[in-house]
Amino acid sequence: MIDQPVCLTLIVPHQLRDEVFDHLAEQSDLVSGFTASQGAGHGAEVRLHTAAERVKGHADQTVVQVVLAGKDAGRLLDRLRVSFTGTKLVYWTTPVTELGTID
């Protein structure tokens, strides 16, 4: 049976961005690379940490996406739970039906 790849998406508060990037880079047995982009968090559960965020009405966040085998996503999440307990990182996984490079 083939372990289908998934895309693990993490929503990272701005103040944890570099720490999460470093952590992912250290997981070279699971993570070969990742993509990050800026995001703006909205909603009742979103924490507004700074005065600027309260004025803007949204939290500055980073959206991190990692494509990896499903079983490896579970292992990576276990490691993230240990290293980032209490930070309320939001995550989800979605199946990847096709993955490739266009040369």
C-alpha atoms as a PDB file:
ATOM      1  CA  MET A   1       0.000   0.000   0.000  1.00  0.00           C
ATOM      2  CA  ILE A   2       1.308   3.443  -0.946  1.00  0.00           C
ATOM      3  CA  ASP A   3       1.277   6.149   1.710  1.00  0.00           C
ATOM      4  CA  GLN A   4      -0.555   8.998  -0.034  1.00  0.00           C
ATOM      5  CA  PRO A   5       1.085  12.409   0.298  1.00  0.00           C
ATOM      6  CA  VAL A   6      -0.710  15.139   2.195  1.00  0.00           C
ATOM      7  CA  CYS A   7      -0.266  18.857   2.502  1.00  0.00           C
ATOM      8  CA  LEU A   8       0.117  19.890   6.127  1.00  0.00           C
ATOM      9  CA  THR A   9      -0.882  23.523   6.581  1.00  0.00           C
ATOM     10  CA  LEU A  10       0.173  25.392   9.725  1.00  0.00           C
ATOM     11  CA  ILE A  11      -1.123  28.803  10.767  1.00  0.00           C
ATOM     12  CA  VAL A  12       1.712  30.393  12.713  1.00  0.00           C
ATOM     13  CA  PRO A  13       1.481  33.597  14.769  1.00  0.00           C
ATOM     14  CA  HIS A  14       3.990  36.186  13.588  1.00  0.00           C
ATOM     15  CA  GLN A  15       6.012  36.034  16.810  1.00  0.00           C
ATOM     16  CA  LEU A  16       6.611  32.258  16.382  1.00  0.00           C
ATOM     17  CA  ARG A  17       7.507  32.382  12.694  1.00  0.00           C
ATOM     18  CA  ASP A  18      11.295  32.067  12.951  1.00  0.00           C
ATOM     19  CA  GLU A  19      11.085  29.448  15.692  1.00  0.00           C
ATOM     20  CA  VAL A  20       8.726  27.282  13.601  1.00  0.00           C
ATOM     21  CA  PHE A  21      10.925  27.733  10.507  1.00  0.00           C
ATOM     22  CA  ASP A  22      13.976  26.611  12.497  1.00  0.00           C
ATOM     23  CA  HIS A  23      12.076  23.639  13.923  1.00  0.00           C
ATOM     24  CA  LEU A  24      10.931  22.516  10.473  1.00  0.00           C
ATOM     25  CA  ALA A  25      14.466  22.858   9.096  1.00  0.00           C
ATOM     26  CA  GLU A  26      15.703  20.575  11.893  1.00  0.00           C
ATOM     27  CA  GLN A  27      13.227  17.840  10.886  1.00  0.00           C
ATOM     28  CA  SER A  28      15.194  16.884   7.764  1.00  0.00           C
ATOM     29  CA  ASP A  29      14.181  13.224   8.109  1.00  0.00           C
ATOM     30  CA  LEU A  30      10.563  14.273   7.462  1.00  0.00           C
ATOM     31  CA  VAL A  31      10.624  17.705   5.821  1.00  0.00           C
ATOM     32  CA  SER A  32      12.511  18.267   2.575  1.00  0.00           C
ATOM     33  CA  GLY A  33      11.212  21.840   2.256  1.00  0.00           C
ATOM     34  CA  PHE A  34       8.197  24.027   2.859  1.00  0.00           C
ATOM     35  CA  THR A  35       6.426  27.086   1.518  1.00  0.00           C
ATOM     36  CA  ALA A  36       5.445  30.081   3.631  1.00  0.00           C
ATOM     37  CA  SER A  37       3.285  33.098   2.900  1.00  0.00           C
ATOM     38  CA  GLN A  38       1.786  35.958   4.849  1.00  0.00           C
ATOM     39  CA  GLY A  39      -1.703  35.629   6.249  1.00  0.00           C
ATOM     40  CA  ALA A  40      -4.211  37.672   8.192  1.00  0.00           C
ATOM     41  CA  GLY A  41      -6.123  35.829  10.897  1.00  0.00           C
ATOM     42  CA  HIS A  42      -9.742  36.777  11.562  1.00  0.00           C
ATOM     43  CA  GLY A  43     -12.302  35.314  13.947  1.00  0.00           C
ATOM     44  CA  ALA A  44     -13.338  34.910  17.538  1.00  0.00           C
ATOM     45  CA  GLU A  45     -10.527  32.438  18.340  1.00  0.00           C
ATOM     46  CA  VAL A  46      -7.746  34.579  16.837  1.00  0.00           C
ATOM     47  CA  ARG A  47      -5.484  36.295  19.361  1.00  0.00           C
ATOM     48  CA  LEU A  48      -4.574  39.912  18.597  1.00  0.00           C
ATOM     49  CA  HIS A  49      -1.169  40.251  20.291  1.00  0.00           C
ATOM     50  CA  THR A  50      -0.131  43.790  19.447  1.00  0.00           C
ATOM     51  CA  ALA A  51      -1.733  47.212  19.417  1.00  0.00           C
ATOM     52  CA  ALA A  52      -1.229  47.320  15.644  1.00  0.00           C
ATOM     53  CA  GLU A  53      -3.154  44.049  15.243  1.00  0.00           C
ATOM     54  CA  ARG A  54      -5.982  45.370  17.404  1.00  0.00           C
ATOM     55  CA  VAL A  55      -6.196  48.523  15.270  1.00  0.00           C
ATOM     56  CA  LYS A  56      -6.127  46.494  12.014  1.00  0.00           C
ATOM     57  CA  GLY A  57      -8.616  43.977  13.405  1.00  0.00           C
ATOM     58  CA  HIS A  58      -6.624  40.920  12.371  1.00  0.00           C
ATOM     59  CA  ALA A  59      -3.583  38.963  13.504  1.00  0.00           C
ATOM     60  CA  ASP A  60      -0.442  38.892  11.400  1.00  0.00           C
ATOM     61  CA  GLN A  61       0.207  35.226  10.686  1.00  0.00           C
ATOM     62  CA  THR A  62       2.285  33.012   8.451  1.00  0.00           C
ATOM     63  CA  VAL A  63       0.759  30.169   6.440  1.00  0.00           C
ATOM     64  CA  VAL A  64       3.222  27.288   6.179  1.00  0.00           C
ATOM     65  CA  GLN A  65       2.613  24.360   3.821  1.00  0.00           C
ATOM     66  CA  VAL A  66       4.576  21.118   3.825  1.00  0.00           C
ATOM     67  CA  VAL A  67       3.917  18.243   1.425  1.00  0.00           C
ATOM     68  CA  LEU A  68       4.945  14.880   2.857  1.00  0.00           C
ATOM     69  CA  ALA A  69       3.789  11.299   3.287  1.00  0.00           C
ATOM     70  CA  GLY A  70       0.679  10.931   5.431  1.00  0.00           C
ATOM     71  CA  LYS A  71       2.469   8.853   8.095  1.00  0.00           C
ATOM     72  CA  ASP A  72       5.252  11.448   8.217  1.00  0.00           C
ATOM     73  CA  ALA A  73       2.700  14.225   8.713  1.00  0.00           C
ATOM     74  CA  GLY A  74       1.512  12.435  11.850  1.00  0.00           C
ATOM     75  CA  ARG A  75       5.085  12.127  13.105  1.00  0.00           C
ATOM     76  CA  LEU A  76       5.776  15.796  12.386  1.00  0.00           C
ATOM     77  CA  LEU A  77       2.600  16.844  14.196  1.00  0.00           C
ATOM     78  CA  ASP A  78       3.694  14.813  17.231  1.00  0.00           C
ATOM     79  CA  ARG A  79       7.005  16.695  17.276  1.00  0.00           C
ATOM     80  CA  LEU A  80       5.267  20.051  16.845  1.00  0.00           C
ATOM     81  CA  ARG A  81       2.948  19.240  19.754  1.00  0.00           C
ATOM     82  CA  VAL A  82       5.963  18.618  21.997  1.00  0.00           C
ATOM     83  CA  SER A  83       7.868  21.723  20.909  1.00  0.00           C
ATOM     84  CA  PHE A  84       4.947  24.152  20.682  1.00  0.00           C
ATOM     85  CA  THR A  85       2.638  23.077  23.495  1.00  0.00           C
ATOM     86  CA  GLY A  86       0.336  25.913  24.559  1.00  0.00           C
ATOM     87  CA  THR A  87       0.896  28.049  21.461  1.00  0.00           C
ATOM     88  CA  LYS A  88      -2.439  27.158  19.852  1.00  0.00           C
ATOM     89  CA  LEU A  89      -0.944  26.539  16.403  1.00  0.00           C
ATOM     90  CA  VAL A  90      -3.752  25.767  13.987  1.00  0.00           C
ATOM     91  CA  TYR A  91      -3.212  23.025  11.407  1.00  0.00           C
ATOM     92  CA  TRP A  92      -4.980  20.824   8.904  1.00  0.00           C
ATOM     93  CA  THR A  93      -4.040  18.263   6.298  1.00  0.00           C
ATOM     94  CA  THR A  94      -5.415  17.786   2.807  1.00  0.00           C
ATOM     95  CA  PRO A  95      -4.753  14.930   0.389  1.00  0.00           C
ATOM     96  CA  VAL A  96      -2.354  15.601  -2.469  1.00  0.00           C
ATOM     97  CA  THR A  97      -3.640  13.868  -5.589  1.00  0.00           C
ATOM     98  CA  GLU A  98      -0.799  14.931  -7.849  1.00  0.00           C
ATOM     99  CA  LEU A  99       2.688  16.299  -7.258  1.00  0.00           C
ATOM    100  CA  GLY A 100       5.375  17.131  -9.751  1.00  0.00           C
ATOM    101  CA  THR A 101       7.739  19.650 -11.239  1.00  0.00           C
ATOM    102  CA  ILE A 102       7.277  21.393 -14.558  1.00  0.00           C
ATOM    103  CA  ASP A 103      10.679  21.675 -16.245  1.00  0.00           C
END
